[in-house]
C-alpha atoms as a PDB file:
ATOM      1  CA  MET A   1     228.641  47.442  63.898  1.00  0.00           C
ATOM      2  CA  LYS A   2     232.429  47.114  63.750  1.00  0.00           C
ATOM      3  CA  PRO A   3     234.594  50.204  63.049  1.00  0.00           C
ATOM      4  CA  LYS A   4     235.727  50.491  59.460  1.00  0.00           C
ATOM      5  CA  MET A   5     238.864  51.738  57.815  1.00  0.00           C
ATOM      6  CA  LYS A   6     238.787  55.058  56.034  1.00  0.00           C
ATOM      7  CA  MET A   7     238.329  54.468  52.328  1.00  0.00           C
ATOM      8  CA  VAL A   8     238.850  56.521  49.217  1.00  0.00           C
ATOM      9  CA  ARG A   9     235.621  56.611  47.221  1.00  0.00           C
ATOM     10  CA  TRP A  10     237.154  55.526  43.949  1.00  0.00           C
ATOM     11  CA  LEU A  11     239.041  52.471  45.256  1.00  0.00           C
ATOM     12  CA  GLY A  12     236.279  50.165  44.027  1.00  0.00           C
ATOM     13  CA  LEU A  13     235.689  46.563  45.054  1.00  0.00           C
ATOM     14  CA  ALA A  14     239.290  45.425  44.651  1.00  0.00           C
ATOM     15  CA  GLY A  15     240.491  48.232  46.885  1.00  0.00           C
ATOM     16  CA  LEU A  16     237.865  47.497  49.507  1.00  0.00           C
ATOM     17  CA  LEU A  17     238.831  43.848  49.711  1.00  0.00           C
ATOM     18  CA  ALA A  18     242.562  44.521  49.586  1.00  0.00           C
ATOM     19  CA  LEU A  19     242.341  46.953  52.514  1.00  0.00           C
ATOM     20  CA  GLY A  20     240.270  44.519  54.531  1.00  0.00           C
ATOM     21  CA  ALA A  21     237.264  46.729  55.201  1.00  0.00           C
ATOM     22  CA  GLU A  22     234.993  45.340  57.930  1.00  0.00           C
ATOM     23  CA  ALA A  23     232.033  47.473  56.875  1.00  0.00           C
ATOM     24  CA  VAL A  24     231.019  49.283  53.711  1.00  0.00           C
ATOM     25  CA  SER A  25     229.773  52.838  54.110  1.00  0.00           C
ATOM     26  CA  PRO A  26     226.680  54.054  52.221  1.00  0.00           C
ATOM     27  CA  ALA A  27     228.951  56.334  50.165  1.00  0.00           C
ATOM     28  CA  GLU A  28     231.135  53.400  49.153  1.00  0.00           C
ATOM     29  CA  LEU A  29     228.117  51.251  48.339  1.00  0.00           C
ATOM     30  CA  ASP A  30     226.644  54.033  46.218  1.00  0.00           C
ATOM     31  CA  ALA A  31     229.923  54.297  44.285  1.00  0.00           C
ATOM     32  CA  LEU A  32     230.036  50.525  43.753  1.00  0.00           C
ATOM     33  CA  LEU A  33     226.430  50.401  42.526  1.00  0.00           C
ATOM     34  CA  GLN A  34     227.147  53.178  40.032  1.00  0.00           C
ATOM     35  CA  SER A  35     230.221  51.367  38.729  1.00  0.00           C
ATOM     36  CA  SER A  36     230.414  48.168  36.701  1.00  0.00           C
ATOM     37  CA  THR A  37     231.232  46.168  39.837  1.00  0.00           C
ATOM     38  CA  LYS A  38     228.985  43.173  40.536  1.00  0.00           C
ATOM     39  CA  VAL A  39     227.541  43.554  44.026  1.00  0.00           C
ATOM     40  CA  THR A  40     224.711  41.510  45.552  1.00  0.00           C
ATOM     41  CA  LEU A  41     222.650  43.134  48.285  1.00  0.00           C
ATOM     42  CA  ILE A  42     221.093  40.930  50.967  1.00  0.00           C
ATOM     43  CA  ASP A  43     218.471  42.467  53.242  1.00  0.00           C
ATOM     44  CA  VAL A  44     218.226  40.443  56.474  1.00  0.00           C
ATOM     45  CA  ARG A  45     215.213  42.269  57.915  1.00  0.00           C
ATOM     46  CA  ASP A  46     211.785  40.691  58.285  1.00  0.00           C
ATOM     47  CA  GLU A  47     209.613  40.391  55.181  1.00  0.00           C
ATOM     48  CA  SER A  48     207.214  43.121  56.297  1.00  0.00           C
ATOM     49  CA  MET A  49     210.024  45.678  56.628  1.00  0.00           C
ATOM     50  CA  PHE A  50     211.454  44.605  53.283  1.00  0.00           C
ATOM     51  CA  ARG A  51     208.078  45.092  51.582  1.00  0.00           C
ATOM     52  CA  HIS A  52     207.754  48.561  53.116  1.00  0.00           C
ATOM     53  CA  GLY A  53     210.975  49.636  51.408  1.00  0.00           C
ATOM     54  CA  HIS A  54     214.460  48.378  50.540  1.00  0.00           C
ATOM     55  CA  ILE A  55     217.501  49.179  48.434  1.00  0.00           C
ATOM     56  CA  PRO A  56     216.676  48.412  44.773  1.00  0.00           C
ATOM     57  CA  ASN A  57     217.619  44.896  43.577  1.00  0.00           C
ATOM     58  CA  ALA A  58     218.266  43.643  47.115  1.00  0.00           C
ATOM     59  CA  ILE A  59     217.137  40.117  47.930  1.00  0.00           C
ATOM     60  CA  ASN A  60     215.385  39.412  51.224  1.00  0.00           C
ATOM     61  CA  VAL A  61     216.811  36.623  53.365  1.00  0.00           C
ATOM     62  CA  PRO A  62     215.728  37.213  56.984  1.00  0.00           C
ATOM     63  CA  GLU A  63     218.566  36.588  59.416  1.00  0.00           C
ATOM     64  CA  ARG A  64     216.620  33.856  61.222  1.00  0.00           C
ATOM     65  CA  VAL A  65     216.752  31.634  58.100  1.00  0.00           C
ATOM     66  CA  LEU A  66     220.089  32.758  56.686  1.00  0.00           C
ATOM     67  CA  ALA A  67     222.027  29.706  57.890  1.00  0.00           C
ATOM     68  CA  LEU A  68     219.513  27.350  56.269  1.00  0.00           C
ATOM     69  CA  LYS A  69     219.275  29.203  52.963  1.00  0.00           C
ATOM     70  CA  LYS A  70     221.111  27.679  50.003  1.00  0.00           C
ATOM     71  CA  LEU A  71     222.703  30.453  47.974  1.00  0.00           C
ATOM     72  CA  PRO A  72     224.678  30.316  44.727  1.00  0.00           C
ATOM     73  CA  PRO A  73     228.250  31.718  44.606  1.00  0.00           C
ATOM     74  CA  LEU A  74     227.230  35.389  44.634  1.00  0.00           C
ATOM     75  CA  GLY A  75     230.711  36.906  44.856  1.00  0.00           C
ATOM     76  CA  PHE A  76     230.841  40.170  46.773  1.00  0.00           C
ATOM     77  CA  VAL A  77     227.798  40.634  49.025  1.00  0.00           C
ATOM     78  CA  VAL A  78     226.759  43.641  51.106  1.00  0.00           C
ATOM     79  CA  VAL A  79     224.376  42.649  53.880  1.00  0.00           C
ATOM     80  CA  TYR A  80     222.246  45.147  55.763  1.00  0.00           C
ATOM     81  CA  GLY A  81     219.672  45.382  58.534  1.00  0.00           C
ATOM     82  CA  GLN A  82     217.574  48.292  59.719  1.00  0.00           C
ATOM     83  CA  GLY A  83     220.565  50.081  61.258  1.00  0.00           C
ATOM     84  CA  PHE A  84     219.217  50.453  64.776  1.00  0.00           C
ATOM     85  CA  GLY A  85     222.197  48.978  66.580  1.00  0.00           C
ATOM     86  CA  GLU A  86     221.741  45.330  65.623  1.00  0.00           C
ATOM     87  CA  ASP A  87     224.919  43.237  65.414  1.00  0.00           C
ATOM     88  CA  LEU A  88     225.300  41.786  61.912  1.00  0.00           C
ATOM     89  CA  SER A  89     228.628  40.058  62.550  1.00  0.00           C
ATOM     90  CA  GLY A  90     226.818  36.711  62.823  1.00  0.00           C
ATOM     91  CA  ALA A  91     225.044  37.226  59.495  1.00  0.00           C
ATOM     92  CA  VAL A  92     228.329  38.209  57.833  1.00  0.00           C
ATOM     93  CA  ASP A  93     230.059  35.118  59.251  1.00  0.00           C
ATOM     94  CA  ILE A  94     227.252  32.839  58.043  1.00  0.00           C
ATOM     95  CA  LEU A  95     227.462  34.244  54.524  1.00  0.00           C
ATOM     96  CA  ASN A  96     231.260  34.029  54.441  1.00  0.00           C
ATOM     97  CA  GLU A  97     231.021  30.339  55.274  1.00  0.00           C
ATOM     98  CA  LYS A  98     229.016  29.735  52.095  1.00  0.00           C
ATOM     99  CA  PRO A  99     231.071  28.857  48.968  1.00  0.00           C
ATOM    100  CA  GLY A 100     231.798  31.686  46.578  1.00  0.00           C
ATOM    101  CA  ILE A 101     230.618  34.515  48.850  1.00  0.00           C
ATOM    102  CA  LYS A 102     232.603  37.392  50.350  1.00  0.00           C
ATOM    103  CA  ALA A 103     230.285  39.398  52.591  1.00  0.00           C
ATOM    104  CA  GLU A 104     230.598  42.741  54.352  1.00  0.00           C
ATOM    105  CA  ALA A 105     228.005  44.688  56.353  1.00  0.00           C
ATOM    106  CA  LEU A 106     226.567  48.064  55.366  1.00  0.00           C
ATOM    107  CA  ASP A 107     227.628  50.580  58.004  1.00  0.00           C
ATOM    108  CA  GLY A 108     224.496  52.060  59.582  1.00  0.00           C
ATOM    109  CA  GLY A 109     222.164  49.758  57.666  1.00  0.00           C
ATOM    110  CA  TYR A 110     219.056  50.775  55.755  1.00  0.00           C
ATOM    111  CA  ALA A 111     218.498  53.828  57.953  1.00  0.00           C
ATOM    112  CA  ALA A 112     221.943  55.220  57.093  1.00  0.00           C
ATOM    113  CA  TRP A 113     221.261  54.555  53.397  1.00  0.00           C
ATOM    114  CA  GLN A 114     218.010  56.522  53.694  1.00  0.00           C
ATOM    115  CA  THR A 115     219.777  59.339  55.543  1.00  0.00           C
ATOM    116  CA  ARG A 116     222.253  59.560  52.685  1.00  0.00           C
ATOM    117  CA  LYS A 117     219.223  59.819  50.378  1.00  0.00           C
ATOM    118  CA  GLY A 118     220.119  56.623  48.573  1.00  0.00           C
ATOM    119  CA  ARG A 119     217.482  55.206  46.212  1.00  0.00           C
ATOM    120  CA  THR A 120     214.887  52.913  47.782  1.00  0.00           C
ATOM    121  CA  THR A 121     211.696  51.195  46.690  1.00  0.00           C
ATOM    122  CA  GLN A 122     209.677  52.972  49.381  1.00  0.00           C
ATOM    123  CA  ALA A 123     206.573  54.637  47.974  1.00  0.00           C
ATOM    124  CA  THR A 124     206.085  58.397  48.227  1.00  0.00           C
ATOM    125  CA  GLY A 125     202.985  60.340  49.174  1.00  0.00           C
ATOM    126  CA  PHE A 126     200.624  59.852  52.096  1.00  0.00           C
ATOM    127  CA  GLN A 127     201.006  56.441  53.692  1.00  0.00           C
ATOM    128  CA  LYS A 128     201.433  54.786  57.043  1.00  0.00           C
ATOM    129  CA  GLU A 129     204.895  55.764  58.212  1.00  0.00           C
ATOM    130  CA  ALA A 130     206.539  54.194  61.245  1.00  0.00           C
ATOM    131  CA  LEU A 131     208.188  55.913  64.183  1.00  0.00           C
ATOM    132  CA  ASN A 132     210.607  53.321  65.457  1.00  0.00           C
ATOM    133  CA  VAL A 133     210.652  52.392  69.138  1.00  0.00           C
ATOM    134  CA  ILE A 134     213.071  50.437  71.296  1.00  0.00           C
ATOM    135  CA  THR A 135     212.555  48.801  74.685  1.00  0.00           C
ATOM    136  CA  TYR A 136     214.734  49.329  77.726  1.00  0.00           C
ATOM    137  CA  GLN A 137     216.132  45.804  77.362  1.00  0.00           C
ATOM    138  CA  ASN A 138     216.867  46.273  73.652  1.00  0.00           C
ATOM    139  CA  LEU A 139     218.715  49.484  74.500  1.00  0.00           C
ATOM    140  CA  GLN A 140     220.773  47.655  77.115  1.00  0.00           C
ATOM    141  CA  ASP A 141     221.600  44.941  74.574  1.00  0.00           C
ATOM    142  CA  LEU A 142     222.557  47.166  71.624  1.00  0.00           C
ATOM    143  CA  ASP A 143     225.689  46.224  69.723  1.00  0.00           C
ATOM    144  CA  THR A 144     228.450  47.871  71.746  1.00  0.00           C
ATOM    145  CA  THR A 145     230.559  48.562  68.646  1.00  0.00           C
ATOM    146  CA  ASP A 146     227.866  50.828  67.177  1.00  0.00           C
ATOM    147  CA  GLU A 147     227.951  54.469  68.238  1.00  0.00           C
ATOM    148  CA  VAL A 148     224.790  55.343  70.172  1.00  0.00           C
ATOM    149  CA  VAL A 149     223.732  58.836  71.273  1.00  0.00           C
ATOM    150  CA  LEU A 150     221.037  59.286  73.919  1.00  0.00           C
ATOM    151  CA  VAL A 151     219.029  62.453  73.289  1.00  0.00           C
ATOM    152  CA  ASP A 152     217.632  63.651  76.614  1.00  0.00           C
ATOM    153  CA  LEU A 153     214.340  65.448  75.923  1.00  0.00           C
ATOM    154  CA  ARG A 154     213.083  65.066  79.491  1.00  0.00           C
ATOM    155  CA  LYS A 155     211.992  67.983  81.652  1.00  0.00           C
ATOM    156  CA  GLU A 156     212.865  68.221  85.326  1.00  0.00           C
ATOM    157  CA  PRO A 157     209.844  67.216  87.448  1.00  0.00           C
ATOM    158  CA  GLU A 158     208.020  70.117  89.087  1.00  0.00           C
ATOM    159  CA  PRO A 159     207.060  69.770  92.771  1.00  0.00           C
ATOM    160  CA  GLU A 160     203.336  69.381  93.347  1.00  0.00           C
ATOM    161  CA  ALA A 161     201.561  72.277  95.047  1.00  0.00           C
ATOM    162  CA  THR A 162     200.710  71.257  98.631  1.00  0.00           C
ATOM    163  CA  SER A 163     199.681  72.943 101.855  1.00  0.00           C
ATOM    164  CA  GLY A 164     199.568  72.229 105.576  1.00  0.00           C
ATOM    165  CA  ILE A 165     200.522  68.734 106.698  1.00  0.00           C
ATOM    166  CA  GLN A 166     201.083  67.581 103.109  1.00  0.00           C
ATOM    167  CA  ALA A 167     203.575  70.410 102.570  1.00  0.00           C
ATOM    168  CA  ARG A 168     205.552  69.489 105.688  1.00  0.00           C
ATOM    169  CA  GLN A 169     205.566  65.831 104.663  1.00  0.00           C
ATOM    170  CA  ALA A 170     206.722  66.760 101.176  1.00  0.00           C
ATOM    171  CA  ASP A 171     209.553  68.872 102.600  1.00  0.00           C
ATOM    172  CA  ALA A 172     210.820  65.812 104.465  1.00  0.00           C
ATOM    173  CA  LEU A 173     211.080  63.789 101.248  1.00  0.00           C
ATOM    174  CA  PRO A 174     213.893  64.102  98.701  1.00  0.00           C
ATOM    175  CA  ALA A 175     213.012  66.200  95.663  1.00  0.00           C
ATOM    176  CA  PRO A 176     212.135  64.090  92.583  1.00  0.00           C
ATOM    177  CA  THR A 177     214.970  63.870  90.076  1.00  0.00           C
ATOM    178  CA  LEU A 178     215.453  62.431  86.610  1.00  0.00           C
ATOM    179  CA  THR A 179     217.263  59.150  86.099  1.00  0.00           C
ATOM    180  CA  PRO A 180     220.931  59.927  85.279  1.00  0.00           C
ATOM    181  CA  LEU A 181     221.382  58.566  81.760  1.00  0.00           C
ATOM    182  CA  ALA A 182     225.195  58.504  81.844  1.00  0.00           C
ATOM    183  CA  GLU A 183     225.097  56.227  84.896  1.00  0.00           C
ATOM    184  CA  LYS A 184     222.279  54.061  83.564  1.00  0.00           C
ATOM    185  CA  PHE A 185     223.954  53.526  80.175  1.00  0.00           C
ATOM    186  CA  PRO A 186     227.723  53.905  80.649  1.00  0.00           C
ATOM    187  CA  GLY A 187     229.753  54.403  77.508  1.00  0.00           C
ATOM    188  CA  LYS A 188     226.934  56.051  75.573  1.00  0.00           C
ATOM    189  CA  THR A 189     227.004  59.735  74.670  1.00  0.00           C
ATOM    190  CA  VAL A 190     224.260  61.924  76.175  1.00  0.00           C
ATOM    191  CA  VAL A 191     223.137  65.199  74.560  1.00  0.00           C
ATOM    192  CA  LYS A 192     220.224  67.539  75.183  1.00  0.00           C
ATOM    193  CA  SER A 193     219.454  68.137  71.512  1.00  0.00           C
ATOM    194  CA  PRO A 194     219.882  65.964  68.405  1.00  0.00           C
ATOM    195  CA  PHE A 195     221.223  69.038  66.629  1.00  0.00           C
ATOM    196  CA  GLU A 196     224.391  68.738  68.709  1.00  0.00           C
ATOM    197  CA  VAL A 197     225.191  65.573  66.741  1.00  0.00           C
ATOM    198  CA  ALA A 198     227.395  65.811  63.640  1.00  0.00           C
ATOM    199  CA  GLY A 199     225.566  64.869  60.459  1.00  0.00           C
ATOM    200  CA  VAL A 200     222.200  66.315  61.525  1.00  0.00           C
ATOM    201  CA  ALA A 201     220.914  69.291  59.536  1.00  0.00           C
ATOM    202  CA  GLY A 202     221.173  72.385  61.709  1.00  0.00           C
ATOM    203  CA  SER A 203     223.949  70.908  63.869  1.00  0.00           C
ATOM    204  CA  GLY A 204     226.731  73.059  62.448  1.00  0.00           C
ATOM    205  CA  HIS A 205     227.745  70.040  60.349  1.00  0.00           C
ATOM    206  CA  GLN A 206     224.874  70.433  57.901  1.00  0.00           C
ATOM    207  CA  GLY A 207     225.263  68.448  54.717  1.00  0.00           C
ATOM    208  CA  ARG A 208     227.644  65.949  56.276  1.00  0.00           C
ATOM    209  CA  GLN A 209     226.267  62.462  56.763  1.00  0.00           C
ATOM    210  CA  ALA A 210     229.547  61.093  58.115  1.00  0.00           C
ATOM    211  CA  ASP A 211     232.264  62.546  60.293  1.00  0.00           C
ATOM    212  CA  ALA A 212     235.855  63.343  59.464  1.00  0.00           C
ATOM    213  CA  VAL A 213     237.031  59.730  59.715  1.00  0.00           C
ATOM    214  CA  GLY A 214     234.285  58.326  57.515  1.00  0.00           C
ATOM    215  CA  ARG A 215     231.938  56.877  60.134  1.00  0.00           C
ATOM    216  CA  GLU A 216     228.226  57.137  59.576  1.00  0.00           C
ATOM    217  CA  ALA A 217     226.033  59.302  61.805  1.00  0.00           C
ATOM    218  CA  PRO A 218     225.315  57.496  65.110  1.00  0.00           C
ATOM    219  CA  LEU A 219     222.081  55.866  66.151  1.00  0.00           C
ATOM    220  CA  MET A 220     220.048  58.384  68.175  1.00  0.00           C
ATOM    221  CA  VAL A 221     217.727  57.238  70.963  1.00  0.00           C
ATOM    222  CA  LEU A 222     215.124  59.860  71.923  1.00  0.00           C
ATOM    223  CA  ILE A 223     214.072  59.824  75.592  1.00  0.00           C
ATOM    224  CA  ASP A 224     211.251  61.955  77.013  1.00  0.00           C
ATOM    225  CA  ASN A 225     208.908  62.035  80.011  1.00  0.00           C
ATOM    226  CA  GLY A 226     206.272  60.116  78.089  1.00  0.00           C
ATOM    227  CA  ASP A 227     204.743  63.425  77.033  1.00  0.00           C
ATOM    228  CA  GLY A 228     205.095  62.997  73.265  1.00  0.00           C
ATOM    229  CA  GLU A 229     208.228  65.149  72.875  1.00  0.00           C
ATOM    230  CA  ALA A 230     210.187  62.213  71.459  1.00  0.00           C
ATOM    231  CA  GLN A 231     207.551  61.605  68.769  1.00  0.00           C
ATOM    232  CA  LYS A 232     207.597  65.291  67.817  1.00  0.00           C
ATOM    233  CA  MET A 233     211.378  65.314  67.549  1.00  0.00           C
ATOM    234  CA  ALA A 234     211.400  62.071  65.533  1.00  0.00           C
ATOM    235  CA  ARG A 235     209.114  63.701  62.954  1.00  0.00           C
ATOM    236  CA  ILE A 236     211.354  66.773  62.783  1.00  0.00           C
ATOM    237  CA  LEU A 237     214.435  64.622  62.250  1.00  0.00           C
ATOM    238  CA  LYS A 238     212.763  62.535  59.537  1.00  0.00           C
ATOM    239  CA  ALA A 239     211.734  65.755  57.797  1.00  0.00           C
ATOM    240  CA  ASN A 240     215.439  66.685  57.857  1.00  0.00           C
ATOM    241  CA  GLY A 241     216.334  63.346  56.274  1.00  0.00           C
ATOM    242  CA  VAL A 242     217.687  61.706  59.443  1.00  0.00           C
ATOM    243  CA  HIS A 243     216.466  58.104  59.763  1.00  0.00           C
ATOM    244  CA  ARG A 244     218.739  56.437  62.353  1.00  0.00           C
ATOM    245  CA  VAL A 245     216.385  57.455  65.153  1.00  0.00           C
ATOM    246  CA  VAL A 246     214.458  55.378  67.698  1.00  0.00           C
ATOM    247  CA  ILE A 247     212.235  56.309  70.652  1.00  0.00           C
ATOM    248  CA  LEU A 248     212.672  54.691  74.063  1.00  0.00           C
ATOM    249  CA  ALA A 249     209.304  53.091  74.853  1.00  0.00           C
ATOM    250  CA  GLY A 250     208.049  54.319  78.216  1.00  0.00           C
ATOM    251  CA  GLY A 251     210.588  57.139  78.489  1.00  0.00           C
ATOM    252  CA  GLU A 252     211.491  58.241  82.017  1.00  0.00           C
ATOM    253  CA  LYS A 253     208.892  55.939  83.597  1.00  0.00           C
ATOM    254  CA  ILE A 254     210.547  52.805  82.232  1.00  0.00           C
ATOM    255  CA  LEU A 255     213.951  54.124  83.345  1.00  0.00           C
ATOM    256  CA  GLU A 256     212.631  54.549  86.888  1.00  0.00           C
ATOM    257  CA  ARG A 257     211.501  50.917  86.826  1.00  0.00           C
ATOM    258  CA  ASP A 258     214.779  49.611  85.343  1.00  0.00           C
ATOM    259  CA  GLY A 259     212.733  48.122  82.524  1.00  0.00           C
ATOM    260  CA  ALA A 260     210.535  46.122  84.897  1.00  0.00           C
ATOM    261  CA  ALA A 261     207.049  44.986  83.861  1.00  0.00           C
ATOM    262  CA  GLY A 262     204.213  47.361  84.485  1.00  0.00           C
ATOM    263  CA  LEU A 263     204.156  49.260  81.200  1.00  0.00           C
ATOM    264  CA  GLN A 264     203.214  47.916  77.817  1.00  0.00           C
ATOM    265  CA  ARG A 265     206.331  46.338  76.297  1.00  0.00           C
ATOM    266  CA  LEU A 266     206.571  47.424  72.665  1.00  0.00           C
ATOM    267  CA  GLY A 267     209.779  45.612  71.731  1.00  0.00           C
ATOM    268  CA  MET A 268     211.962  46.750  68.871  1.00  0.00           C
ATOM    269  CA  GLY A 269     209.137  47.851  66.627  1.00  0.00           C
ATOM    270  CA  SER A 270     207.259  50.835  65.367  1.00  0.00           C
ATOM    271  CA  GLN A 271     204.254  53.048  65.879  1.00  0.00           C
ATOM    272  CA  GLU A 272     202.336  53.639  62.660  1.00  0.00           C
ATOM    273  CA  LEU A 273     201.116  57.127  61.858  1.00  0.00           C
ATOM    274  CA  GLU A 274     199.736  58.773  58.756  1.00  0.00           C
ATOM    275  CA  MET A 275     202.601  60.843  57.382  1.00  0.00           C
ATOM    276  CA  ASN A 276     203.620  62.331  54.068  1.00  0.00           C
ATOM    277  CA  ASN A 277     206.733  60.535  52.831  1.00  0.00           C
ATOM    278  CA  GLU A 278     207.459  62.780  49.888  1.00  0.00           C
END
């Protein structure tokens, strides 16, 4: 998502438009919704995700049909997706071409709104809750204007115990190493713990959902050895109210294969688990 200008919370809609904001932060949207300003929310996610939970009063127009949809002159529109690195510039452009509509994207999408603890229609209590996953190819194709942090939860491989001829053969081979994430995904930040990231409870920036210049917390991609550590960490982060989190499907194994076929391809989707969403 495109970088946005720093805003003052009480500027309101007129101030936002006058300053030419390219994205609306969750804090700014919250202030607008609490004011008398008329704002229309358009959720461009698939119907199933919309039914699972959305910002109250939002209307669902999936991005794939947005160009074909006839809409009345809605005035100021805030459009949002899931917030997992998808590029909404096309959706914003389509809406701005329609008469009587001025559209901006929600910075960080629905996940950033959830992280800010904004109101949603999502039910509470025990239900099927999704841990979001991303494929190698989706990770390669993420919107380059969105800040992405790779959280390296992998453990260094341990050499297998061998003896005799096998030991001598093993000594002649290079020691197994992990795929270097900084080389594989240049331009993306790599950390060893999500709690190094500003905006995450326990990071030393607790209570802050955006950094000093007003940007929302980045999208975090959890990468493990395929041993379940990413799933465990995703649950911990969700319990801390952090929702802009995805798991790399296949972990280190898919990195070794450069995303090649051989593992089950999960796509940009989710794994459903019974969790308490209170």
